[in-house]
Each structure stands twice: as C-alpha cells, then as structure tokens.
Amino acid sequence: MAFSKSFARTIPGTNFPIWEEVVLTPEQEKEVEEKCSQENFHLLDECLKEAKALAIKNSVNDDRNVVSLAIALFEKKASHVIFWKESRAKEKFDNKK
C-alpha cells in the first residue's frame, strides 16, 4: 500500500481550502526509508558516543548505563519513517504548485 498524505491548498477568494492527496511512488517511498535508515544508524552511533561521554562524566560508566543513556538519547532525537515520508510528500506537493 502506497504512502499518501493530504495537504490543504488555499484558493484566493474562498474561505475553504481544497484538500489534495499526494501519493508517493514505491521508488520514492523506498528512497525515503533507506535515507531514514542511514540517518538513524548514524544518529544511534552518535548517541552511543554521547552516552559514553555522559556516563564517564557522571561516574556511571558501565555498559548497561551507557546503553540505557544511548537508547534514551536516540528515542529523543530519532525521526520516524512516517515523518520522513510526510516530509517527502510535502516536498512533492510544494513542487506541484
């Protein structure tokens, strides 16, 4: 099932927007998923390094604490696939203008 998102297009002289649905092609969807995966991999790597530095700074440097800190940082920072797909759909919508 293809990813789709609806966006409001305002028409001058009317009070109500017209909603347009934007559908990503399977290729666009796969591209976004791959980019998101790569970004999340690098983000998790960065979070692990930051967590290790925090754990050392606060004298709680054992593997379990480092992993817990890294996961918390990752969850706070990570962008989810839906956000990336919505961003790509919005870009496609904006380019249609």
Protein backbone atom coordinates (compact mmCIF):
# COMPACT_ATOMS: atom_id res chain seq x y z
CA MET A 1 0.00 0.00 0.00
CA ALA A 2 1.46 3.34 -1.04
CA PHE A 3 2.02 6.15 1.43
CA SER A 4 -0.32 9.11 0.99
CA LYS A 5 -0.87 12.41 2.76
CA SER A 6 -3.44 15.15 2.22
CA PHE A 7 -2.50 18.83 2.15
CA ALA A 8 -4.67 21.94 2.10
CA ARG A 9 -4.34 24.23 -0.90
CA THR A 10 -5.76 27.69 -0.33
CA ILE A 11 -7.60 29.33 -3.19
CA PRO A 12 -7.72 33.14 -3.25
CA GLY A 13 -11.25 34.41 -2.80
CA THR A 14 -12.55 31.36 -0.94
CA ASN A 15 -12.84 30.66 2.74
CA PHE A 16 -12.25 26.93 2.50
CA PRO A 17 -9.12 25.15 1.30
CA ILE A 18 -9.16 22.37 -1.25
CA TRP A 19 -7.56 19.18 0.04
CA GLU A 20 -5.19 17.41 -2.31
CA GLU A 21 -3.86 13.92 -1.72
CA VAL A 22 -0.21 13.27 -2.56
CA VAL A 23 0.86 9.66 -3.06
CA LEU A 24 4.49 8.58 -3.01
CA THR A 25 5.58 6.14 -5.67
CA PRO A 26 7.07 2.87 -4.42
CA GLU A 27 10.50 4.14 -5.52
CA GLN A 28 10.10 7.41 -3.59
CA GLU A 29 8.89 5.52 -0.54
CA LYS A 30 11.84 3.10 -0.68
CA GLU A 31 14.28 6.00 -1.14
CA VAL A 32 12.88 7.75 1.95
CA GLU A 33 13.01 4.55 4.01
CA GLU A 34 16.66 3.95 3.04
CA LYS A 35 17.63 7.54 3.84
CA CYS A 36 15.82 7.32 7.19
CA SER A 37 17.60 4.05 7.98
CA GLN A 38 21.01 5.54 7.21
CA GLU A 39 20.27 8.68 9.25
CA ASN A 40 19.06 6.61 12.20
CA PHE A 41 22.19 4.43 12.04
CA HIS A 42 24.44 7.49 12.21
CA LEU A 43 22.24 9.04 14.89
CA LEU A 44 22.44 5.92 17.08
CA ASP A 45 26.22 5.85 16.63
CA GLU A 46 26.37 9.49 17.74
CA CYS A 47 24.08 8.76 20.69
CA LEU A 48 26.30 5.89 21.84
CA LYS A 49 29.34 8.18 21.82
CA GLU A 50 27.47 10.91 23.70
CA ALA A 51 26.11 8.40 26.21
CA LYS A 52 29.59 7.04 26.90
CA ALA A 53 30.89 10.59 27.46
CA LEU A 54 27.96 11.37 29.79
CA ALA A 55 28.43 8.14 31.71
CA ILE A 56 32.15 8.83 32.21
CA LYS A 57 31.48 12.43 33.23
CA ASN A 58 28.90 11.35 35.81
CA SER A 59 30.82 8.29 37.05
CA VAL A 60 28.15 5.82 35.94
CA ASN A 61 30.28 4.20 33.26
CA ASP A 62 29.11 0.63 32.96
CA ASP A 63 27.76 -0.95 29.79
CA ARG A 64 24.16 -1.12 30.98
CA ASN A 65 24.05 2.57 31.89
CA VAL A 66 25.72 3.58 28.61
CA VAL A 67 23.20 1.55 26.60
CA SER A 68 20.26 2.97 28.56
CA LEU A 69 21.51 6.52 28.04
CA ALA A 70 22.10 5.88 24.33
CA ILE A 71 18.60 4.48 23.85
CA ALA A 72 17.05 7.43 25.68
CA LEU A 73 19.03 9.90 23.56
CA PHE A 74 18.16 8.04 20.36
CA GLU A 75 14.44 7.94 21.16
CA LYS A 76 14.52 11.66 21.90
CA LYS A 77 16.39 12.55 18.70
CA ALA A 78 15.26 9.92 16.20
CA SER A 79 12.98 10.83 13.36
CA HIS A 80 10.49 8.17 12.45
CA VAL A 81 9.84 6.85 8.97
CA ILE A 82 6.39 8.46 8.84
CA PHE A 83 7.90 11.91 9.45
CA TRP A 84 10.33 11.36 6.56
CA LYS A 85 7.55 10.16 4.27
CA GLU A 86 5.33 13.11 5.22
CA SER A 87 8.22 15.48 4.53
CA ARG A 88 8.77 13.92 1.10
CA ALA A 89 5.04 14.12 0.34
CA LYS A 90 5.00 17.81 1.37
CA GLU A 91 8.00 18.46 -0.88
CA LYS A 92 6.18 16.76 -3.76
CA PHE A 93 3.04 18.83 -3.01
CA ASP A 94 5.01 22.09 -2.92
CA ASN A 95 6.70 21.26 -6.23
CA LYS A 96 3.29 20.79 -7.91
CA LYS A 97 2.47 24.50 -7.44
